[in-house]
Protein backbone atom coordinates (compact mmCIF):
# COMPACT_ATOMS: atom_id res chain seq x y z
CA MET A 1 8.30 -26.41 -21.03
CA THR A 2 10.96 -24.91 -18.82
CA ALA A 3 10.53 -21.85 -16.65
CA PRO A 4 12.51 -18.74 -17.56
CA PRO A 5 15.63 -18.12 -15.50
CA ASP A 6 15.20 -16.18 -12.29
CA VAL A 7 15.32 -12.44 -12.77
CA PRO A 8 16.48 -10.26 -9.86
CA LEU A 9 13.07 -8.74 -9.14
CA SER A 10 13.92 -7.58 -5.62
CA GLY A 11 15.80 -4.59 -7.02
CA MET A 12 12.80 -3.38 -9.03
CA ASN A 13 10.28 -0.90 -7.64
CA GLU A 14 6.53 -1.52 -7.73
CA ASN A 15 6.02 0.45 -10.94
CA GLU A 16 8.77 -1.45 -12.74
CA LEU A 17 7.34 -4.78 -11.62
CA ALA A 18 3.84 -3.79 -12.75
CA THR A 19 5.20 -2.65 -16.12
CA LEU A 20 6.82 -6.05 -16.59
CA ILE A 21 3.52 -7.78 -15.80
CA TYR A 22 1.70 -5.55 -18.31
CA ARG A 23 4.23 -6.35 -21.02
CA VAL A 24 4.00 -10.09 -20.45
CA THR A 25 0.20 -10.16 -20.36
CA ASP A 26 0.04 -7.96 -23.46
CA GLU A 27 2.30 -10.42 -25.26
CA LEU A 28 0.25 -13.44 -24.18
CA SER A 29 -2.97 -11.72 -25.23
CA ALA A 30 -1.59 -10.68 -28.61
CA ARG A 31 -0.61 -14.23 -29.50
CA GLY A 32 -4.26 -15.27 -29.73
CA THR A 33 -3.55 -18.96 -29.32
CA GLU A 34 -5.32 -21.58 -27.26
CA ASP A 35 -2.18 -22.01 -25.17
CA SER A 36 -1.77 -18.29 -24.52
CA PHE A 37 -5.44 -18.03 -23.50
CA ALA A 38 -5.09 -21.02 -21.16
CA GLU A 39 -1.97 -19.51 -19.59
CA MET A 40 -3.71 -16.16 -19.12
CA LEU A 41 -6.55 -17.89 -17.26
CA LYS A 42 -3.98 -19.44 -14.91
CA VAL A 43 -2.33 -16.05 -14.45
CA VAL A 44 -5.67 -14.40 -13.61
CA ALA A 45 -6.38 -17.03 -10.94
CA HIS A 46 -2.89 -16.64 -9.49
CA VAL A 47 -3.09 -12.85 -9.42
CA GLY A 48 -6.50 -13.03 -7.74
CA GLN A 49 -5.02 -15.12 -4.93
CA ARG A 50 -2.05 -12.79 -4.56
CA VAL A 51 -4.31 -9.71 -4.45
CA GLY A 52 -6.05 -11.24 -1.45
CA ASP A 53 -2.68 -11.94 0.18
CA ALA A 54 -1.57 -8.36 -0.45
CA ALA A 55 -4.81 -6.95 0.97
CA ARG A 56 -4.45 -9.00 4.16
CA GLN A 57 -0.80 -7.99 4.53
CA LEU A 58 -1.68 -4.31 4.09
CA ALA A 59 -4.51 -4.63 6.60
CA ALA A 60 -2.24 -6.35 9.12
CA ALA A 61 0.43 -3.67 8.74
CA ASN A 62 -2.01 -0.74 8.65
CA SER A 63 -5.77 -1.26 8.67
CA TRP A 64 -8.72 -2.37 6.59
CA SER A 65 -9.42 1.32 6.12
CA GLN A 66 -6.13 1.58 4.23
CA VAL A 67 -7.09 -1.40 2.06
CA ALA A 68 -10.44 0.26 1.37
CA GLN A 69 -8.80 3.54 0.43
CA VAL A 70 -6.35 1.93 -1.99
CA SER A 71 -9.02 -0.30 -3.56
CA GLY A 72 -11.62 2.47 -3.82
CA THR A 73 -14.23 0.69 -1.75
CA SER A 74 -15.65 0.79 1.75
CA LYS A 75 -13.84 -0.73 4.71
CA GLN A 76 -16.64 -3.27 5.11
CA ALA A 77 -16.53 -4.26 1.43
CA ALA A 78 -12.75 -4.65 1.52
CA TRP A 79 -12.93 -6.79 4.65
CA GLU A 80 -15.68 -8.99 3.23
CA ARG A 81 -13.83 -9.50 -0.03
CA TRP A 82 -10.31 -10.18 1.22
CA ARG A 83 -10.48 -11.18 4.89
CA SER A 84 -9.69 -14.85 4.20
């Protein structure tokens, strides 16, 4: 299986990128195959790792309070969940 060609994502805003992710995951889900389910599990694990990265980057640039506000949790809960 070959990867799709690189798409110029740097020119897209956050909403456009998220919309693309929604479309792709909707398509994988709708296929209902063993392969699509397996790929979705990989995607979920990857996204989980990247969410942690994003939280730490936001905290480094701003604060854990900002991470808590965006995630709808307490500062302590955000720190405990994504600190490492």
